[in-house]
Amino acid sequence: MTRRIAVTGMGVVSPTGMGIGRFLDALFAARSGIRRITAPFGGQLQVRVAGEVDMDAASQFPKTKLALLDRCSQFALLAAREAMADSGLALDEQERGRTGIFVGTSMGGAQTLESGYSDLYRDGRDRLPPYTVLRSMHNAPAAHLSIEFGLTGTSNTYATACSSSAVAIGEAMRAIRHGYADFALAGGTESMITYGTLRAWEALHALAHEDAADPSASCRPFSRDRDGLVLGEGAGMLVLEDLEHARARGAHIHAEIAGYGAASDASHISKPHSSGQVKAMREALADAGMNADDIDYINAHGTATLAGDAVETAAIREAFGTHAGRLAASSTKSMHGHLMGAAGAVEFIASVLAIDHRFLPPTANLRIPDPECDLDFVANVARHDVRVRAAMSNSFGFGGGNAVLIAKQPAT
């Protein structure tokens, strides 16, 4: 039996604020969380802006627990706590055994690894903290979610660069749809704002420079004056469950997750190619049983790189044909930056919010139209009182790994 999947809980940790409420307010106001890097190493970098999360970890976790948590695990736990509370689920032992965990992260415990390398190679220490391995392993966030909520179902971690958490959500949907789980806690987390990581990204020449007039406007997807992406950090987590179960218990259903498509470019390790993106979008539509004209809004991958935005625009036009001219699309990365492994989850949540709150999130800082990016990218100002029947969320990663999710209004 094939089951339909409801989104009944959501939680966000974002540069625009902690929690769904602040995240939604930022989308309404086109308010950016991008700023000059506050870490001491910020002044040593060529690129000095990022989407940092303002969080006092000591106020969120006891000292003994904090010793085990890299920043990316902290984010995952906080987002998951909000999502679980939002869902209203009270799982018994049997249900906890049927709840899967699906987490995407690109670099895992990057903060812990960087600290360890500094201890060894800069400061000449011959010992590392005993929890270094446990904090830095990629599956640590998923493990901590399992422990926190007593979930004994399958636990999975995905690392497909920028599409990691979109893959996690898609695979969670499949697991429930085909009976391998009844519930899922799915999403992604990332915290890679470190000196070494930013230096590595500088070497790729992929990062945006600080906007001279306004650092918060440094990320400009689809604008002709864009000059690169802005790294961010954060987490997004969702509770998924069988739609009929959600209805029976009277849950608020934010949306139904209806489609998932994944495809590889098989082209280049860093340069995007439209063929894989088109294939993933078409697979998601087919999986949802939808036609192109059933989609009202696309949360685009939209990183603000010169090549990436143009390729994605062309891919959307190819996948949607004449309907592309009637679509609304936007990149919320303009406000929170590129959250890498967490991007797919946070942006899918933005898509669900568009359905649930009847609005179109804007592309902030779209100052100069680009002939190569000629779709309706909801420039600068959110649109309210707009019915969004279905929304697509695109996540396209380095290595050519593409994942696309579709959410829709739950049928009455």
Protein backbone atom coordinates (compact mmCIF):
# COMPACT_ATOMS: atom_id res chain seq x y z
CA MET A 1 0.00 0.00 0.00
CA THR A 2 1.31 3.47 -0.91
CA ARG A 3 0.73 6.07 1.78
CA ARG A 4 0.51 9.86 1.57
CA ILE A 5 2.85 11.90 3.77
CA ALA A 6 2.00 14.92 5.91
CA VAL A 7 4.34 17.56 7.31
CA THR A 8 3.11 18.07 10.87
CA GLY A 9 6.12 19.65 12.57
CA MET A 10 8.87 22.09 11.59
CA GLY A 11 11.82 23.69 13.32
CA VAL A 12 14.51 26.09 12.13
CA VAL A 13 17.81 27.49 13.33
CA SER A 14 18.82 30.21 10.90
CA PRO A 15 20.99 33.31 10.53
CA THR A 16 17.71 35.25 10.40
CA GLY A 17 16.73 34.03 13.87
CA MET A 18 16.01 31.04 16.05
CA GLY A 19 12.69 29.34 15.40
CA ILE A 20 9.99 29.23 12.75
CA GLY A 21 8.42 32.52 13.91
CA ARG A 22 11.53 34.62 13.38
CA PHE A 23 12.36 32.78 10.17
CA LEU A 24 8.88 33.52 8.80
CA ASP A 25 9.05 37.17 9.89
CA ALA A 26 12.34 37.54 8.01
CA LEU A 27 10.83 36.06 4.85
CA PHE A 28 7.86 38.43 5.14
CA ALA A 29 10.17 41.45 5.55
CA ALA A 30 12.97 40.38 3.16
CA ARG A 31 15.28 40.78 6.15
CA SER A 32 18.78 39.41 5.80
CA GLY A 33 20.79 37.64 8.48
CA ILE A 34 24.02 38.04 6.52
CA ARG A 35 26.61 40.27 8.16
CA ARG A 36 30.30 40.80 8.70
CA ILE A 37 31.86 37.75 10.31
CA THR A 38 32.02 38.23 14.06
CA ALA A 39 34.62 35.51 14.74
CA PRO A 40 38.13 36.83 15.52
CA PHE A 41 39.53 35.43 12.26
CA GLY A 42 37.10 37.47 10.15
CA GLY A 43 39.58 40.29 9.64
CA GLN A 44 42.15 37.90 8.17
CA LEU A 45 39.93 36.84 5.28
CA GLN A 46 39.46 38.35 1.85
CA VAL A 47 35.73 37.58 2.04
CA ARG A 48 34.32 38.88 5.29
CA VAL A 49 30.58 38.16 5.29
CA ALA A 50 28.62 35.07 6.29
CA GLY A 51 25.26 33.98 7.62
CA GLU A 52 26.11 33.29 11.26
CA VAL A 53 23.63 32.05 13.86
CA ASP A 54 23.40 34.16 17.00
CA MET A 55 23.14 31.55 19.75
CA ASP A 56 24.38 31.11 23.30
CA ALA A 57 24.93 27.35 23.46
CA ALA A 58 25.51 27.39 27.21
CA SER A 59 21.96 28.62 27.75
CA GLN A 60 20.54 25.81 25.60
CA PHE A 61 22.38 22.73 26.90
CA PRO A 62 23.84 21.58 30.23
CA LYS A 63 27.62 21.62 30.42
CA THR A 64 27.94 17.83 30.49
CA LYS A 65 25.86 17.46 27.31
CA LEU A 66 27.54 20.37 25.56
CA ALA A 67 30.91 18.62 25.87
CA LEU A 68 29.59 15.97 23.44
CA LEU A 69 28.03 18.34 20.91
CA ASP A 70 29.65 19.96 17.92
CA ARG A 71 27.84 23.10 16.83
CA CYS A 72 26.13 21.24 13.98
CA SER A 73 24.66 18.74 16.49
CA GLN A 74 23.51 21.62 18.67
CA PHE A 75 21.64 23.13 15.74
CA ALA A 76 20.04 19.79 14.83
CA LEU A 77 18.78 19.25 18.38
CA LEU A 78 17.30 22.73 18.69
CA ALA A 79 15.51 22.52 15.34
CA ALA A 80 14.26 19.02 16.15
CA ARG A 81 12.94 20.07 19.56
CA GLU A 82 10.88 22.78 17.89
CA ALA A 83 9.65 20.41 15.17
CA MET A 84 8.62 17.72 17.63
CA ALA A 85 6.81 20.23 19.84
CA ASP A 86 5.08 21.71 16.79
CA SER A 87 3.90 18.27 15.69
CA GLY A 88 2.20 17.51 18.99
CA LEU A 89 3.23 13.87 18.66
CA ALA A 90 3.26 11.78 21.83
CA LEU A 91 4.87 8.54 20.66
CA ASP A 92 4.57 5.31 22.60
CA GLU A 93 7.36 2.73 22.66
CA GLN A 94 6.12 0.89 19.59
CA GLU A 95 5.75 4.12 17.61
CA ARG A 96 9.24 5.26 18.61
CA GLY A 97 10.49 2.00 17.14
CA ARG A 98 8.75 2.89 13.88
CA THR A 99 10.21 6.40 13.69
CA GLY A 100 13.17 6.92 11.38
CA ILE A 101 15.83 9.61 11.53
CA PHE A 102 17.08 11.08 8.26
CA VAL A 103 19.73 13.81 8.48
CA GLY A 104 21.77 15.56 5.82
CA THR A 105 25.07 17.32 6.46
CA SER A 106 27.87 18.25 4.11
CA MET A 107 30.79 18.50 6.51
CA GLY A 108 29.53 17.21 9.86
CA GLY A 109 31.56 18.33 12.86
CA ALA A 110 33.70 20.89 11.05
CA GLN A 111 34.11 23.08 14.12
CA THR A 112 35.52 20.20 16.17
CA LEU A 113 37.88 19.10 13.40
CA GLU A 114 39.23 22.61 12.92
CA SER A 115 39.77 23.01 16.65
CA GLY A 116 41.63 19.69 16.75
CA TYR A 117 43.87 20.58 13.84
CA SER A 118 44.68 23.91 15.47
CA ASP A 119 45.60 22.13 18.70
CA LEU A 120 47.90 19.70 16.90
CA TYR A 121 49.53 21.71 14.15
CA ARG A 122 49.41 25.31 15.35
CA ASP A 123 49.75 24.95 19.11
CA GLY A 124 51.87 21.79 19.13
CA ARG A 125 49.71 19.87 21.60
CA ASP A 126 50.08 16.11 21.68
CA ARG A 127 46.62 15.32 23.03
CA LEU A 128 43.12 16.08 21.79
CA PRO A 129 39.88 16.24 23.79
CA PRO A 130 38.58 12.69 24.34
CA TYR A 131 35.29 13.37 22.56
CA THR A 132 36.85 14.63 19.31
CA VAL A 133 35.83 11.60 17.24
CA LEU A 134 32.34 11.47 18.76
CA ARG A 135 31.73 15.16 18.13
CA SER A 136 33.07 15.25 14.58
CA MET A 137 31.61 12.11 12.99
CA HIS A 138 29.01 12.81 10.34
CA ASN A 139 26.31 10.69 11.98
CA ALA A 140 26.64 12.44 15.36
CA PRO A 141 23.59 14.72 14.80
CA ALA A 142 21.38 11.75 13.89
CA ALA A 143 22.66 9.80 16.89
CA HIS A 144 21.90 12.67 19.27
CA LEU A 145 18.37 12.97 17.85
CA SER A 146 17.83 9.26 18.46
CA ILE A 147 19.02 9.58 22.06
CA GLU A 148 17.13 12.82 22.77
CA PHE A 149 13.74 11.49 21.68
CA GLY A 150 14.20 7.76 22.29
CA LEU A 151 13.71 6.94 18.61
CA THR A 152 14.80 3.38 17.82
CA GLY A 153 13.90 3.14 14.14
CA THR A 154 16.36 3.43 11.27
CA SER A 155 18.98 6.18 11.57
CA ASN A 156 20.49 7.56 8.36
CA THR A 157 22.96 10.28 7.43
CA TYR A 158 23.37 11.68 3.92
CA ALA A 159 26.27 13.72 2.54
CA THR A 160 25.56 14.91 -1.00
CA ALA A 161 26.94 18.45 -0.64
CA CYS A 162 24.29 21.14 -1.06
CA SER A 163 21.49 18.62 -1.67
CA SER A 164 22.16 16.55 1.49
CA SER A 165 19.07 17.45 3.50
CA ALA A 166 16.75 17.44 0.49
CA VAL A 167 17.86 13.85 -0.11
CA ALA A 168 17.28 13.10 3.58
CA ILE A 169 13.70 14.41 3.42
CA GLY A 170 12.99 12.62 0.15
CA GLU A 171 14.26 9.29 1.48
CA ALA A 172 12.25 9.77 4.67
CA MET A 173 9.14 10.29 2.57
CA ARG A 174 9.87 7.10 0.65
CA ALA A 175 10.40 5.12 3.86
CA ILE A 176 6.97 6.09 5.20
CA ARG A 177 5.27 5.81 1.82
CA HIS A 178 6.39 2.20 1.39
CA GLY A 179 5.91 1.08 4.99
CA TYR A 180 9.48 0.98 6.31
CA ALA A 181 8.57 3.61 8.93
CA ASP A 182 5.42 5.26 10.23
CA PHE A 183 7.03 8.55 11.32
CA ALA A 184 10.23 10.39 10.48
CA LEU A 185 12.35 13.18 11.87
CA ALA A 186 14.09 14.50 8.77
CA GLY A 187 16.19 17.48 7.77
CA GLY A 188 19.72 18.78 7.86
CA THR A 189 22.30 20.70 9.82
CA GLU A 190 25.55 22.51 9.07
CA SER A 191 28.12 24.68 10.82
CA MET A 192 31.21 25.34 8.76
CA ILE A 193 31.97 29.00 9.46
CA THR A 194 35.60 28.30 10.36
CA TYR A 195 38.84 29.92 9.28
CA GLY A 196 40.03 26.87 7.35
CA THR A 197 36.73 26.27 5.58
CA LEU A 198 36.37 29.87 4.52
CA ARG A 199 39.96 29.92 3.24
CA ALA A 200 39.21 26.81 1.19
CA TRP A 201 36.10 28.44 -0.28
CA GLU A 202 38.09 31.58 -1.04
CA ALA A 203 40.46 29.43 -3.07
CA LEU A 204 37.51 28.30 -5.20
CA HIS A 205 36.68 31.95 -6.01
CA ALA A 206 33.04 31.14 -5.35
CA LEU A 207 32.28 33.48 -2.44
CA ALA A 208 30.65 36.89 -2.69
CA HIS A 209 32.54 39.97 -1.63
CA GLU A 210 31.08 42.27 0.97
CA ASP A 211 28.65 44.79 -0.43
CA ALA A 212 30.29 48.16 0.16
CA ALA A 213 27.08 49.95 1.05
CA ASP A 214 25.32 47.19 3.01
CA PRO A 215 26.99 43.91 4.12
CA SER A 216 23.57 42.30 4.55
CA ALA A 217 22.99 42.71 0.80
CA SER A 218 26.08 40.76 -0.22
CA CYS A 219 24.11 37.77 -1.54
CA ARG A 220 22.24 38.75 -4.73
CA PRO A 221 20.75 35.72 -6.51
CA PHE A 222 19.61 36.25 -10.09
CA SER A 223 20.72 39.91 -10.08
CA ARG A 224 23.16 40.85 -12.82
CA ASP A 225 25.58 42.28 -10.22
CA ARG A 226 25.81 38.99 -8.27
CA ASP A 227 29.35 37.83 -7.61
CA GLY A 228 29.12 34.63 -5.57
CA LEU A 229 27.52 32.78 -2.71
CA VAL A 230 27.58 33.61 0.99
CA LEU A 231 28.17 30.71 3.35
CA GLY A 232 25.70 30.28 6.18
CA GLU A 233 25.00 27.89 9.02
CA GLY A 234 21.91 26.48 10.67
CA ALA A 235 19.45 23.59 10.64
CA GLY A 236 15.98 22.67 9.51
CA MET A 237 14.03 19.66 10.80
CA LEU A 238 10.60 18.30 9.91
CA VAL A 239 8.26 15.73 11.36
CA LEU A 240 6.67 13.56 8.67
CA GLU A 241 3.88 11.05 9.20
CA ASP A 242 1.18 9.16 7.40
CA LEU A 243 -1.48 11.66 6.29
CA GLU A 244 -4.39 9.59 7.56
CA HIS A 245 -2.75 9.18 10.96
CA ALA A 246 -2.20 12.94 11.16
CA ARG A 247 -5.84 13.59 10.32
CA ALA A 248 -7.09 11.01 12.80
CA ARG A 249 -5.24 12.64 15.69
CA GLY A 250 -6.33 16.15 14.67
CA ALA A 251 -2.83 17.43 13.89
CA HIS A 252 -2.24 20.69 12.08
CA ILE A 253 -1.02 19.62 8.65
CA HIS A 254 1.30 22.26 7.25
CA ALA A 255 1.43 20.58 3.85
CA GLU A 256 1.63 17.24 2.14
CA ILE A 257 5.02 16.19 0.77
CA ALA A 258 4.03 14.83 -2.59
CA GLY A 259 7.06 14.33 -4.79
CA TYR A 260 10.80 13.67 -4.79
CA GLY A 261 13.24 13.43 -7.66
CA ALA A 262 16.99 12.88 -7.65
CA ALA A 263 19.46 12.80 -10.52
CA SER A 264 23.14 13.30 -11.25
CA ASP A 265 24.64 15.60 -13.86
CA ALA A 266 27.45 13.12 -14.65
CA SER A 267 29.25 16.11 -16.09
CA HIS A 268 31.67 18.05 -13.85
CA ILE A 269 32.63 18.03 -10.18
CA SER A 270 31.83 21.72 -9.65
CA LYS A 271 30.18 23.18 -12.77
CA PRO A 272 26.39 22.70 -12.84
CA HIS A 273 24.72 21.23 -15.91
CA SER A 274 21.07 21.70 -16.72
CA SER A 275 20.42 18.10 -17.81
CA GLY A 276 20.58 16.63 -14.31
CA GLN A 277 18.54 19.49 -12.88
CA VAL A 278 15.82 19.05 -15.50
CA LYS A 279 15.75 15.30 -14.89
CA ALA A 280 15.36 15.77 -11.12
CA MET A 281 12.52 18.30 -11.54
CA ARG A 282 10.70 16.06 -14.01
CA GLU A 283 11.13 13.03 -11.75
CA ALA A 284 9.68 14.97 -8.80
CA LEU A 285 6.66 15.99 -10.89
CA ALA A 286 6.13 12.41 -12.04
CA ASP A 287 6.51 11.09 -8.49
CA ALA A 288 3.85 13.56 -7.33
CA GLY A 289 1.54 12.70 -10.22
CA MET A 290 1.57 16.37 -11.25
CA ASN A 291 1.87 18.34 -14.43
CA ALA A 292 4.11 21.37 -14.78
CA ASP A 293 1.17 23.77 -14.49
CA ASP A 294 0.25 22.35 -11.06
CA ILE A 295 3.27 24.14 -9.53
CA ASP A 296 2.73 27.75 -8.46
CA TYR A 297 6.08 28.50 -6.78
CA ILE A 298 9.67 27.27 -6.90
CA ASN A 299 12.15 27.85 -4.11
CA ALA A 300 15.16 27.93 -6.39
CA HIS A 301 18.63 26.70 -5.50
CA GLY A 302 19.77 30.22 -6.49
CA THR A 303 23.23 30.49 -4.92
CA ALA A 304 24.11 33.84 -6.59
CA THR A 305 26.99 32.47 -8.64
CA LEU A 306 27.16 33.76 -12.20
CA ALA A 307 26.99 30.35 -13.86
CA GLY A 308 24.74 28.57 -11.35
CA ASP A 309 21.82 31.00 -11.49
CA ALA A 310 21.83 31.13 -15.28
CA VAL A 311 21.97 27.34 -15.61
CA GLU A 312 19.12 26.88 -13.14
CA THR A 313 16.98 29.44 -14.96
CA ALA A 314 17.52 27.56 -18.23
CA ALA A 315 16.75 24.25 -16.51
CA ILE A 316 13.47 25.55 -15.09
CA ARG A 317 12.48 26.84 -18.53
CA GLU A 318 13.24 23.44 -20.07
CA ALA A 319 11.46 21.45 -17.36
CA PHE A 320 8.35 23.65 -17.26
CA GLY A 321 8.04 24.76 -20.87
CA THR A 322 5.52 27.54 -21.44
CA HIS A 323 4.39 27.37 -17.78
CA ALA A 324 7.80 28.74 -16.71
CA GLY A 325 6.63 32.19 -17.72
CA ARG A 326 3.73 31.96 -15.28
CA LEU A 327 5.71 30.58 -12.34
CA ALA A 328 6.89 32.55 -9.34
CA ALA A 329 10.34 31.61 -8.07
CA SER A 330 12.75 32.99 -5.50
CA SER A 331 15.97 32.28 -3.66
CA THR A 332 15.76 32.67 0.10
CA LYS A 333 19.55 32.27 0.23
CA SER A 334 19.54 36.02 -0.38
CA MET A 335 18.54 36.34 3.30
CA HIS A 336 20.07 33.38 5.13
CA GLY A 337 23.01 32.51 2.90
CA HIS A 338 23.93 29.06 1.62
CA LEU A 339 23.49 26.61 4.49
CA MET A 340 25.14 23.83 2.46
CA GLY A 341 23.98 20.46 3.88
CA ALA A 342 21.12 22.18 5.72
CA ALA A 343 20.02 24.29 2.75
CA GLY A 344 17.53 21.82 1.29
CA ALA A 345 15.68 21.41 4.57
CA VAL A 346 15.51 25.11 5.46
CA GLU A 347 14.40 26.02 1.94
CA PHE A 348 11.81 23.23 1.84
CA ILE A 349 10.44 24.64 5.09
CA ALA A 350 10.24 28.05 3.38
CA SER A 351 8.26 26.37 0.59
CA VAL A 352 5.87 24.75 3.08
CA LEU A 353 5.42 28.11 4.82
CA ALA A 354 4.51 29.64 1.46
CA ILE A 355 1.67 27.13 1.16
CA ASP A 356 0.59 27.32 4.79
CA HIS A 357 0.67 31.14 5.01
CA ARG A 358 -0.40 32.02 1.46
CA PHE A 359 2.57 34.13 0.43
CA LEU A 360 5.57 34.14 -1.90
CA PRO A 361 8.99 34.55 -0.25
CA PRO A 362 11.08 37.21 -1.98
CA THR A 363 14.51 37.21 -3.56
CA ALA A 364 16.16 40.01 -1.59
CA ASN A 365 18.76 42.27 -3.23
CA LEU A 366 17.60 41.62 -6.80
CA ARG A 367 18.69 45.04 -7.98
CA ILE A 368 19.54 44.66 -11.66
CA PRO A 369 17.57 42.39 -14.01
CA ASP A 370 19.71 39.82 -15.81
CA PRO A 371 18.60 38.76 -19.30
CA GLU A 372 19.90 35.25 -18.55
CA CYS A 373 17.72 35.04 -15.43
CA ASP A 374 14.40 36.08 -16.89
CA LEU A 375 11.81 34.35 -14.70
CA ASP A 376 9.55 36.02 -12.13
CA PHE A 377 11.96 35.87 -9.18
CA VAL A 378 9.70 37.81 -6.73
CA ALA A 379 12.14 40.68 -6.53
CA ASN A 380 12.78 42.26 -3.11
CA VAL A 381 9.25 42.22 -1.65
CA ALA A 382 7.17 39.26 -0.45
CA ARG A 383 3.73 38.82 -2.01
CA HIS A 384 0.86 38.12 0.34
CA ASP A 385 -2.62 36.65 -0.05
CA VAL A 386 -1.40 34.36 -2.81
CA ARG A 387 -2.73 30.84 -3.07
CA VAL A 388 0.12 28.39 -3.48
CA ARG A 389 -1.36 25.03 -4.43
CA ALA A 390 2.01 23.33 -4.77
CA ALA A 391 5.63 24.40 -4.35
CA MET A 392 8.85 22.89 -5.62
CA SER A 393 12.16 23.17 -3.78
CA ASN A 394 15.40 22.74 -5.76
CA SER A 395 18.72 21.64 -4.25
CA PHE A 396 21.68 21.18 -6.58
CA GLY A 397 25.03 20.12 -5.12
CA PHE A 398 28.71 20.04 -5.99
CA GLY A 399 29.43 16.77 -7.73
CA GLY A 400 26.27 17.22 -9.76
CA GLY A 401 23.92 15.63 -7.23
CA ASN A 402 20.45 17.14 -7.63
CA ALA A 403 17.41 16.65 -5.39
CA VAL A 404 13.97 18.19 -5.83
CA LEU A 405 11.03 18.11 -3.41
CA ILE A 406 7.40 19.03 -3.97
CA ALA A 407 4.96 20.08 -1.24
CA LYS A 408 1.27 20.71 -1.82
CA GLN A 409 -1.84 21.81 0.00
CA PRO A 410 -3.33 18.84 1.85
CA ALA A 411 -6.56 17.71 0.23
CA THR A 412 -9.64 18.34 2.34
